[in-house]
Amino acid sequence: MTRDPDRYANGQNTRWDLAAYSTQDDHLCGQFPITREQFIRVRKLFDYGDDEWFANSYPVRPELWPQVIEILSRPPPEPDKEYFIEGTATDY
């Protein structure tokens, strides 16, 4: 998402997901969409530096799960998966 930063200013043309990866083989097991409103609430839990709209992937640490569950209305994490909040461009 760095080719044209203005294209993604203020989170435009971006989608966010809670992504689950297998701890066995790093295979993507599921993606759960995050609305813009949910994202704005959940990003406060992460140290994202100047990556305000999450062009990178951020791991959901165990201590964050109670708040993530509340904000995203998701069930607790499965023990055989690692979870990340990821932002991706929607207009390639």
PDB file of N, CA and C in Angstrom:
ATOM      1  N   MET A   1       0.824  -1.194   0.000  1.00  0.00           N
ATOM      2  CA  MET A   1       0.000   0.000   0.000  1.00  0.00           C
ATOM      3  C   MET A   1       0.864   1.252   0.000  1.00  0.00           C
ATOM      4  N   THR A   2       2.127   1.143  -0.285  1.00  0.00           N
ATOM      5  CA  THR A   2       2.977   2.313  -0.203  1.00  0.00           C
ATOM      6  C   THR A   2       3.197   2.997  -1.548  1.00  0.00           C
ATOM      7  N   ARG A   3       2.713   2.444  -2.648  1.00  0.00           N
ATOM      8  CA  ARG A   3       2.953   3.058  -3.946  1.00  0.00           C
ATOM      9  C   ARG A   3       2.350   4.449  -4.050  1.00  0.00           C
ATOM     10  N   ASP A   4       1.155   4.637  -3.590  1.00  0.00           N
ATOM     11  CA  ASP A   4       0.483   5.937  -3.653  1.00  0.00           C
ATOM     12  C   ASP A   4      -0.178   6.196  -2.305  1.00  0.00           C
ATOM     13  N   PRO A   5       0.567   6.793  -1.374  1.00  0.00           N
ATOM     14  CA  PRO A   5       0.030   6.961  -0.021  1.00  0.00           C
ATOM     15  C   PRO A   5      -1.280   7.741   0.036  1.00  0.00           C
ATOM     16  N   ASP A   6      -1.476   8.714  -0.853  1.00  0.00           N
ATOM     17  CA  ASP A   6      -2.724   9.485  -0.832  1.00  0.00           C
ATOM     18  C   ASP A   6      -3.931   8.617  -1.121  1.00  0.00           C
ATOM     19  N   ARG A   7      -3.725   7.564  -1.871  1.00  0.00           N
ATOM     20  CA  ARG A   7      -4.811   6.659  -2.225  1.00  0.00           C
ATOM     21  C   ARG A   7      -5.381   5.948  -1.006  1.00  0.00           C
ATOM     22  N   TYR A   8      -4.551   5.847   0.043  1.00  0.00           N
ATOM     23  CA  TYR A   8      -4.954   5.117   1.240  1.00  0.00           C
ATOM     24  C   TYR A   8      -5.043   6.024   2.464  1.00  0.00           C
ATOM     25  N   ALA A   9      -4.969   7.333   2.238  1.00  0.00           N
ATOM     26  CA  ALA A   9      -5.064   8.287   3.345  1.00  0.00           C
ATOM     27  C   ALA A   9      -6.386   8.091   4.078  1.00  0.00           C
ATOM     28  N   ASN A  10      -6.345   8.210   5.372  1.00  0.00           N
ATOM     29  CA  ASN A  10      -7.533   8.066   6.224  1.00  0.00           C
ATOM     30  C   ASN A  10      -8.211   6.710   6.081  1.00  0.00           C
ATOM     31  N   GLY A  11      -7.444   5.704   5.694  1.00  0.00           N
ATOM     32  CA  GLY A  11      -7.996   4.363   5.583  1.00  0.00           C
ATOM     33  C   GLY A  11      -8.836   4.126   4.351  1.00  0.00           C
ATOM     34  N   GLN A  12      -8.751   5.019   3.378  1.00  0.00           N
ATOM     35  CA  GLN A  12      -9.505   4.823   2.139  1.00  0.00           C
ATOM     36  C   GLN A  12      -8.961   3.602   1.394  1.00  0.00           C
ATOM     37  N   ASN A  13      -9.805   2.926   0.653  1.00  0.00           N
ATOM     38  CA  ASN A  13      -9.402   1.792  -0.176  1.00  0.00           C
ATOM     39  C   ASN A  13      -8.650   0.723   0.617  1.00  0.00           C
ATOM     40  N   THR A  14      -9.029   0.564   1.875  1.00  0.00           N
ATOM     41  CA  THR A  14      -8.390  -0.407   2.758  1.00  0.00           C
ATOM     42  C   THR A  14      -9.468  -1.258   3.417  1.00  0.00           C
ATOM     43  N   ARG A  15      -9.142  -2.530   3.587  1.00  0.00           N
ATOM     44  CA  ARG A  15     -10.023  -3.396   4.367  1.00  0.00           C
ATOM     45  C   ARG A  15      -9.187  -4.029   5.455  1.00  0.00           C
ATOM     46  N   TRP A  16      -9.840  -4.392   6.551  1.00  0.00           N
ATOM     47  CA  TRP A  16      -9.151  -4.986   7.683  1.00  0.00           C
ATOM     48  C   TRP A  16      -9.797  -6.316   8.021  1.00  0.00           C
ATOM     49  N   ASP A  17      -8.953  -7.235   8.487  1.00  0.00           N
ATOM     50  CA  ASP A  17      -9.418  -8.563   8.871  1.00  0.00           C
ATOM     51  C   ASP A  17      -8.699  -9.011  10.131  1.00  0.00           C
ATOM     52  N   LEU A  18      -9.381  -9.868  10.874  1.00  0.00           N
ATOM     53  CA  LEU A  18      -8.735 -10.669  11.895  1.00  0.00           C
ATOM     54  C   LEU A  18      -8.390 -11.962  11.169  1.00  0.00           C
ATOM     55  N   ALA A  19      -7.106 -12.207  10.970  1.00  0.00           N
ATOM     56  CA  ALA A  19      -6.658 -13.381  10.212  1.00  0.00           C
ATOM     57  C   ALA A  19      -6.152 -14.448  11.171  1.00  0.00           C
ATOM     58  N   ALA A  20      -6.534 -15.688  10.910  1.00  0.00           N
ATOM     59  CA  ALA A  20      -6.108 -16.824  11.727  1.00  0.00           C
ATOM     60  C   ALA A  20      -5.192 -17.712  10.890  1.00  0.00           C
ATOM     61  N   TYR A  21      -4.046 -18.048  11.470  1.00  0.00           N
ATOM     62  CA  TYR A  21      -3.063 -18.907  10.805  1.00  0.00           C
ATOM     63  C   TYR A  21      -2.799 -20.128  11.665  1.00  0.00           C
ATOM     64  N   SER A  22      -2.623 -21.272  11.023  1.00  0.00           N
ATOM     65  CA  SER A  22      -2.315 -22.508  11.731  1.00  0.00           C
ATOM     66  C   SER A  22      -0.942 -22.419  12.380  1.00  0.00           C
ATOM     67  N   THR A  23      -0.835 -22.851  13.621  1.00  0.00           N
ATOM     68  CA  THR A  23       0.476 -22.895  14.274  1.00  0.00           C
ATOM     69  C   THR A  23       1.309 -24.065  13.754  1.00  0.00           C
ATOM     70  N   GLN A  24       0.667 -25.007  13.071  1.00  0.00           N
ATOM     71  CA  GLN A  24       1.372 -26.172  12.534  1.00  0.00           C
ATOM     72  C   GLN A  24       2.162 -25.850  11.268  1.00  0.00           C
ATOM     73  N   ASP A  25       1.516 -25.070  10.354  1.00  0.00           N
ATOM     74  CA  ASP A  25       2.158 -24.848   9.054  1.00  0.00           C
ATOM     75  C   ASP A  25       2.007 -23.417   8.521  1.00  0.00           C
ATOM     76  N   ASP A  26       1.571 -22.499   9.358  1.00  0.00           N
ATOM     77  CA  ASP A  26       1.388 -21.091   8.977  1.00  0.00           C
ATOM     78  C   ASP A  26       0.366 -20.892   7.859  1.00  0.00           C
ATOM     79  N   HIS A  27      -0.488 -21.875   7.630  1.00  0.00           N
ATOM     80  CA  HIS A  27      -1.526 -21.782   6.604  1.00  0.00           C
ATOM     81  C   HIS A  27      -2.649 -20.863   7.099  1.00  0.00           C
ATOM     82  N   LEU A  28      -3.140 -19.995   6.207  1.00  0.00           N
ATOM     83  CA  LEU A  28      -4.274 -19.133   6.549  1.00  0.00           C
ATOM     84  C   LEU A  28      -5.505 -20.003   6.736  1.00  0.00           C
ATOM     85  N   CYS A  29      -6.093 -19.950   7.932  1.00  0.00           N
ATOM     86  CA  CYS A  29      -7.250 -20.787   8.273  1.00  0.00           C
ATOM     87  C   CYS A  29      -8.567 -20.029   8.205  1.00  0.00           C
ATOM     88  N   GLY A  30      -8.497 -18.712   8.258  1.00  0.00           N
ATOM     89  CA  GLY A  30      -9.729 -17.937   8.235  1.00  0.00           C
ATOM     90  C   GLY A  30      -9.445 -16.450   8.304  1.00  0.00           C
ATOM     91  N   GLN A  31     -10.362 -15.693   7.721  1.00  0.00           N
ATOM     92  CA  GLN A  31     -10.312 -14.238   7.784  1.00  0.00           C
ATOM     93  C   GLN A  31     -11.682 -13.757   8.201  1.00  0.00           C
ATOM     94  N   PHE A  32     -11.700 -12.863   9.184  1.00  0.00           N
ATOM     95  CA  PHE A  32     -12.943 -12.340   9.698  1.00  0.00           C
ATOM     96  C   PHE A  32     -12.933 -10.836   9.485  1.00  0.00           C
ATOM     97  N   PRO A  33     -13.828 -10.322   8.652  1.00  0.00           N
ATOM     98  CA  PRO A  33     -13.823  -8.887   8.335  1.00  0.00           C
ATOM     99  C   PRO A  33     -14.010  -8.012   9.573  1.00  0.00           C
ATOM    100  N   ILE A  34     -13.332  -6.876   9.536  1.00  0.00           N
ATOM    101  CA  ILE A  34     -13.430  -5.872  10.587  1.00  0.00           C
ATOM    102  C   ILE A  34     -13.951  -4.598   9.948  1.00  0.00           C
ATOM    103  N   THR A  35     -15.008  -4.045  10.495  1.00  0.00           N
ATOM    104  CA  THR A  35     -15.536  -2.791   9.955  1.00  0.00           C
ATOM    105  C   THR A  35     -14.590  -1.644  10.308  1.00  0.00           C
ATOM    106  N   ARG A  36     -14.725  -0.549   9.609  1.00  0.00           N
ATOM    107  CA  ARG A  36     -13.909   0.633   9.892  1.00  0.00           C
ATOM    108  C   ARG A  36     -14.093   1.078  11.349  1.00  0.00           C
ATOM    109  N   GLU A  37     -15.323   1.068  11.833  1.00  0.00           N
ATOM    110  CA  GLU A  37     -15.605   1.475  13.199  1.00  0.00           C
ATOM    111  C   GLU A  37     -14.929   0.539  14.206  1.00  0.00           C
ATOM    112  N   GLN A  38     -15.006  -0.764  13.961  1.00  0.00           N
ATOM    113  CA  GLN A  38     -14.338  -1.720  14.837  1.00  0.00           C
ATOM    114  C   GLN A  38     -12.823  -1.527  14.789  1.00  0.00           C
ATOM    115  N   PHE A  39     -12.304  -1.322  13.579  1.00  0.00           N
ATOM    116  CA  PHE A  39     -10.865  -1.136  13.427  1.00  0.00           C
ATOM    117  C   PHE A  39     -10.368   0.068  14.231  1.00  0.00           C
ATOM    118  N   ILE A  40     -11.070   1.170  14.139  1.00  0.00           N
ATOM    119  CA  ILE A  40     -10.662   2.374  14.864  1.00  0.00           C
ATOM    120  C   ILE A  40     -10.616   2.109  16.368  1.00  0.00           C
ATOM    121  N   ARG A  41     -11.536   1.304  16.866  1.00  0.00           N
ATOM    122  CA  ARG A  41     -11.528   0.963  18.294  1.00  0.00           C
ATOM    123  C   ARG A  41     -10.408  -0.013  18.650  1.00  0.00           C
ATOM    124  N   VAL A  42     -10.179  -1.012  17.807  1.00  0.00           N
ATOM    125  CA  VAL A  42      -9.215  -2.061  18.138  1.00  0.00           C
ATOM    126  C   VAL A  42      -7.769  -1.598  17.920  1.00  0.00           C
ATOM    127  N   ARG A  43      -7.525  -0.692  17.001  1.00  0.00           N
ATOM    128  CA  ARG A  43      -6.132  -0.297  16.734  1.00  0.00           C
ATOM    129  C   ARG A  43      -5.485   0.375  17.938  1.00  0.00           C
ATOM    130  N   LYS A  44      -6.274   0.934  18.832  1.00  0.00           N
ATOM    131  CA  LYS A  44      -5.730   1.570  20.039  1.00  0.00           C
ATOM    132  C   LYS A  44      -4.993   0.574  20.933  1.00  0.00           C
ATOM    133  N   LEU A  45      -5.262  -0.706  20.738  1.00  0.00           N
ATOM    134  CA  LEU A  45      -4.635  -1.748  21.555  1.00  0.00           C
ATOM    135  C   LEU A  45      -3.222  -2.089  21.094  1.00  0.00           C
ATOM    136  N   PHE A  46      -2.834  -1.606  19.921  1.00  0.00           N
ATOM    137  CA  PHE A  46      -1.571  -2.001  19.294  1.00  0.00           C
ATOM    138  C   PHE A  46      -0.582  -0.842  19.229  1.00  0.00           C
ATOM    139  N   ASP A  47       0.680  -1.185  19.249  1.00  0.00           N
ATOM    140  CA  ASP A  47       1.747  -0.211  19.050  1.00  0.00           C
ATOM    141  C   ASP A  47       2.056  -0.216  17.547  1.00  0.00           C
ATOM    142  N   TYR A  48       1.443   0.695  16.817  1.00  0.00           N
ATOM    143  CA  TYR A  48       1.555   0.676  15.361  1.00  0.00           C
ATOM    144  C   TYR A  48       2.435   1.783  14.792  1.00  0.00           C
ATOM    145  N   GLY A  49       3.048   2.579  15.652  1.00  0.00           N
ATOM    146  CA  GLY A  49       3.949   3.630  15.173  1.00  0.00           C
ATOM    147  C   GLY A  49       3.249   4.578  14.223  1.00  0.00           C
ATOM    148  N   ASP A  50       3.823   4.773  13.047  1.00  0.00           N
ATOM    149  CA  ASP A  50       3.217   5.668  12.061  1.00  0.00           C
ATOM    150  C   ASP A  50       2.374   4.904  11.032  1.00  0.00           C
ATOM    151  N   ASP A  51       2.125   3.623  11.279  1.00  0.00           N
ATOM    152  CA  ASP A  51       1.311   2.785  10.391  1.00  0.00           C
ATOM    153  C   ASP A  51      -0.152   2.838  10.849  1.00  0.00           C
ATOM    154  N   GLU A  52      -0.714   4.028  10.824  1.00  0.00           N
ATOM    155  CA  GLU A  52      -2.039   4.285  11.395  1.00  0.00           C
ATOM    156  C   GLU A  52      -3.149   3.412  10.817  1.00  0.00           C
ATOM    157  N   TRP A  53      -3.032   3.025   9.552  1.00  0.00           N
ATOM    158  CA  TRP A  53      -4.098   2.263   8.898  1.00  0.00           C
ATOM    159  C   TRP A  53      -3.718   0.804   8.674  1.00  0.00           C
ATOM    160  N   PHE A  54      -2.672   0.352   9.357  1.00  0.00           N
ATOM    161  CA  PHE A  54      -2.262  -1.054   9.395  1.00  0.00           C
ATOM    162  C   PHE A  54      -1.955  -1.629   8.010  1.00  0.00           C
ATOM    163  N   ALA A  55      -0.993  -1.040   7.332  1.00  0.00           N
ATOM    164  CA  ALA A  55      -0.510  -1.633   6.081  1.00  0.00           C
ATOM    165  C   ALA A  55       0.256  -2.921   6.384  1.00  0.00           C
ATOM    166  N   ASN A  56       0.702  -3.055   7.633  1.00  0.00           N
ATOM    167  CA  ASN A  56       1.405  -4.261   8.068  1.00  0.00           C
ATOM    168  C   ASN A  56       0.456  -5.145   8.867  1.00  0.00           C
ATOM    169  N   SER A  57       0.958  -6.276   9.292  1.00  0.00           N
ATOM    170  CA  SER A  57       0.189  -7.245  10.064  1.00  0.00           C
ATOM    171  C   SER A  57       0.604  -7.149  11.531  1.00  0.00           C
ATOM    172  N   TYR A  58      -0.377  -7.188  12.440  1.00  0.00           N
ATOM    173  CA  TYR A  58      -0.105  -7.033  13.868  1.00  0.00           C
ATOM    174  C   TYR A  58      -0.638  -8.227  14.648  1.00  0.00           C
ATOM    175  N   PRO A  59       0.249  -8.930  15.379  1.00  0.00           N
ATOM    176  CA  PRO A  59      -0.205 -10.095  16.142  1.00  0.00           C
ATOM    177  C   PRO A  59      -1.099  -9.696  17.310  1.00  0.00           C
ATOM    178  N   VAL A  60      -2.103 -10.515  17.540  1.00  0.00           N
ATOM    179  CA  VAL A  60      -2.997 -10.307  18.681  1.00  0.00           C
ATOM    180  C   VAL A  60      -2.404 -11.102  19.851  1.00  0.00           C
ATOM    181  N   ARG A  61      -1.790 -10.391  20.768  1.00  0.00           N
ATOM    182  CA  ARG A  61      -1.164 -11.019  21.931  1.00  0.00           C
ATOM    183  C   ARG A  61      -2.245 -11.525  22.891  1.00  0.00           C
ATOM    184  N   PRO A  62      -1.933 -12.552  23.666  1.00  0.00           N
ATOM    185  CA  PRO A  62      -2.930 -13.143  24.577  1.00  0.00           C
ATOM    186  C   PRO A  62      -3.607 -12.136  25.496  1.00  0.00           C
ATOM    187  N   GLU A  63      -2.863 -11.165  26.012  1.00  0.00           N
ATOM    188  CA  GLU A  63      -3.460 -10.204  26.944  1.00  0.00           C
ATOM    189  C   GLU A  63      -4.461  -9.270  26.278  1.00  0.00           C
ATOM    190  N   LEU A  64      -4.460  -9.214  24.951  1.00  0.00           N
ATOM    191  CA  LEU A  64      -5.406  -8.352  24.227  1.00  0.00           C
ATOM    192  C   LEU A  64      -6.748  -9.022  23.951  1.00  0.00           C
ATOM    193  N   TRP A  65      -6.802 -10.342  24.088  1.00  0.00           N
ATOM    194  CA  TRP A  65      -8.006 -11.056  23.675  1.00  0.00           C
ATOM    195  C   TRP A  65      -9.301 -10.608  24.350  1.00  0.00           C
ATOM    196  N   PRO A  66      -9.329 -10.341  25.630  1.00  0.00           N
ATOM    197  CA  PRO A  66     -10.612  -9.907  26.207  1.00  0.00           C
ATOM    198  C   PRO A  66     -11.182  -8.670  25.501  1.00  0.00           C
ATOM    199  N   GLN A  67     -10.326  -7.708  25.196  1.00  0.00           N
ATOM    200  CA  GLN A  67     -10.795  -6.497  24.517  1.00  0.00           C
ATOM    201  C   GLN A  67     -11.123  -6.768  23.056  1.00  0.00           C
ATOM    202  N   VAL A  68     -10.323  -7.596  22.387  1.00  0.00           N
ATOM    203  CA  VAL A  68     -10.573  -7.923  20.981  1.00  0.00           C
ATOM    204  C   VAL A  68     -11.906  -8.656  20.846  1.00  0.00           C
ATOM    205  N   ILE A  69     -12.170  -9.578  21.744  1.00  0.00           N
ATOM    206  CA  ILE A  69     -13.442 -10.318  21.728  1.00  0.00           C
ATOM    207  C   ILE A  69     -14.608  -9.347  21.870  1.00  0.00           C
ATOM    208  N   GLU A  70     -14.475  -8.408  22.781  1.00  0.00           N
ATOM    209  CA  GLU A  70     -15.551  -7.436  23.003  1.00  0.00           C
ATOM    210  C   GLU A  70     -15.748  -6.520  21.791  1.00  0.00           C
ATOM    211  N   ILE A  71     -14.680  -5.990  21.261  1.00  0.00           N
ATOM    212  CA  ILE A  71     -14.777  -5.032  20.154  1.00  0.00           C
ATOM    213  C   ILE A  71     -15.245  -5.704  18.864  1.00  0.00           C
ATOM    214  N   LEU A  72     -14.684  -6.876  18.559  1.00  0.00           N
ATOM    215  CA  LEU A  72     -14.978  -7.535  17.280  1.00  0.00           C
ATOM    216  C   LEU A  72     -16.116  -8.547  17.354  1.00  0.00           C
ATOM    217  N   SER A  73     -16.642  -8.785  18.547  1.00  0.00           N
ATOM    218  CA  SER A  73     -17.711  -9.775  18.729  1.00  0.00           C
ATOM    219  C   SER A  73     -17.308 -11.132  18.156  1.00  0.00           C
ATOM    220  N   ARG A  74     -16.107 -11.563  18.514  1.00  0.00           N
ATOM    221  CA  ARG A  74     -15.573 -12.845  18.067  1.00  0.00           C
ATOM    222  C   ARG A  74     -15.493 -13.796  19.248  1.00  0.00           C
ATOM    223  N   PRO A  75     -15.543 -15.090  18.978  1.00  0.00           N
ATOM    224  CA  PRO A  75     -15.341 -16.057  20.069  1.00  0.00           C
ATOM    225  C   PRO A  75     -13.863 -16.059  20.493  1.00  0.00           C
ATOM    226  N   PRO A  76     -13.560 -16.687  21.613  1.00  0.00           N
ATOM    227  CA  PRO A  76     -12.162 -16.769  22.056  1.00  0.00           C
ATOM    228  C   PRO A  76     -11.294 -17.454  20.999  1.00  0.00           C
ATOM    229  N   PRO A  77      -9.992 -17.204  21.039  1.00  0.00           N
ATOM    230  CA  PRO A  77      -9.098 -17.800  20.048  1.00  0.00           C
ATOM    231  C   PRO A  77      -8.996 -19.308  20.222  1.00  0.00           C
ATOM    232  N   GLU A  78      -8.753 -19.981  19.110  1.00  0.00           N
ATOM    233  CA  GLU A  78      -8.505 -21.419  19.153  1.00  0.00           C
ATOM    234  C   GLU A  78      -7.019 -21.633  19.452  1.00  0.00           C
ATOM    235  N   PRO A  79      -6.683 -22.592  20.305  1.00  0.00           N
ATOM    236  CA  PRO A  79      -5.295 -22.750  20.740  1.00  0.00           C
ATOM    237  C   PRO A  79      -4.317 -23.138  19.639  1.00  0.00           C
ATOM    238  N   ASP A  80      -4.789 -23.720  18.554  1.00  0.00           N
ATOM    239  CA  ASP A  80      -3.890 -24.156  17.476  1.00  0.00           C
ATOM    240  C   ASP A  80      -3.749 -23.114  16.371  1.00  0.00           C
ATOM    241  N   LYS A  81      -4.123 -21.856  16.676  1.00  0.00           N
ATOM    242  CA  LYS A  81      -4.057 -20.787  15.681  1.00  0.00           C
ATOM    243  C   LYS A  81      -3.394 -19.551  16.272  1.00  0.00           C
ATOM    244  N   GLU A  82      -2.738 -18.807  15.384  1.00  0.00           N
ATOM    245  CA  GLU A  82      -2.205 -17.495  15.739  1.00  0.00           C
ATOM    246  C   GLU A  82      -3.043 -16.470  14.994  1.00  0.00           C
ATOM    247  N   TYR A  83      -3.302 -15.329  15.625  1.00  0.00           N
ATOM    248  CA  TYR A  83      -4.199 -14.332  15.052  1.00  0.00           C
ATOM    249  C   TYR A  83      -3.478 -13.003  14.851  1.00  0.00           C
ATOM    250  N   PHE A  84      -3.884 -12.323  13.775  1.00  0.00           N
ATOM    251  CA  PHE A  84      -3.296 -11.046  13.418  1.00  0.00           C
ATOM    252  C   PHE A  84      -4.376 -10.113  12.923  1.00  0.00           C
ATOM    253  N   ILE A  85      -4.197  -8.814  13.164  1.00  0.00           N
ATOM    254  CA  ILE A  85      -5.019  -7.798  12.532  1.00  0.00           C
ATOM    255  C   ILE A  85      -4.240  -7.344  11.308  1.00  0.00           C
ATOM    256  N   GLU A  86      -4.887  -7.413  10.152  1.00  0.00           N
ATOM    257  CA  GLU A  86      -4.210  -7.097   8.903  1.00  0.00           C
ATOM    258  C   GLU A  86      -5.013  -6.114   8.087  1.00  0.00           C
ATOM    259  N   GLY A  87      -4.325  -5.188   7.475  1.00  0.00           N
ATOM    260  CA  GLY A  87      -4.943  -4.255   6.535  1.00  0.00           C
ATOM    261  C   GLY A  87      -4.457  -4.581   5.135  1.00  0.00           C
ATOM    262  N   THR A  88      -5.365  -4.529   4.166  1.00  0.00           N
ATOM    263  CA  THR A  88      -4.988  -4.791   2.778  1.00  0.00           C
ATOM    264  C   THR A  88      -5.655  -3.772   1.868  1.00  0.00           C
ATOM    265  N   ALA A  89      -4.996  -3.514   0.745  1.00  0.00           N
ATOM    266  CA  ALA A  89      -5.551  -2.599  -0.254  1.00  0.00           C
ATOM    267  C   ALA A  89      -6.738  -3.278  -0.927  1.00  0.00           C
ATOM    268  N   THR A  90      -7.765  -2.493  -1.209  1.00  0.00           N
ATOM    269  CA  THR A  90      -8.952  -3.050  -1.873  1.00  0.00           C
ATOM    270  C   THR A  90      -9.028  -2.673  -3.343  1.00  0.00           C
ATOM    271  N   ASP A  91      -8.091  -1.877  -3.823  1.00  0.00           N
ATOM    272  CA  ASP A  91      -8.132  -1.437  -5.223  1.00  0.00           C
ATOM    273  C   ASP A  91      -6.770  -1.599  -5.878  1.00  0.00           C
ATOM    274  N   TYR A  92      -6.434  -2.791  -6.177  1.00  0.00           N
ATOM    275  CA  TYR A  92      -5.131  -3.080  -6.770  1.00  0.00           C
ATOM    276  C   TYR A  92      -5.075  -2.428  -8.107  1.00  0.00           C
TER     277      TYR A  92
END
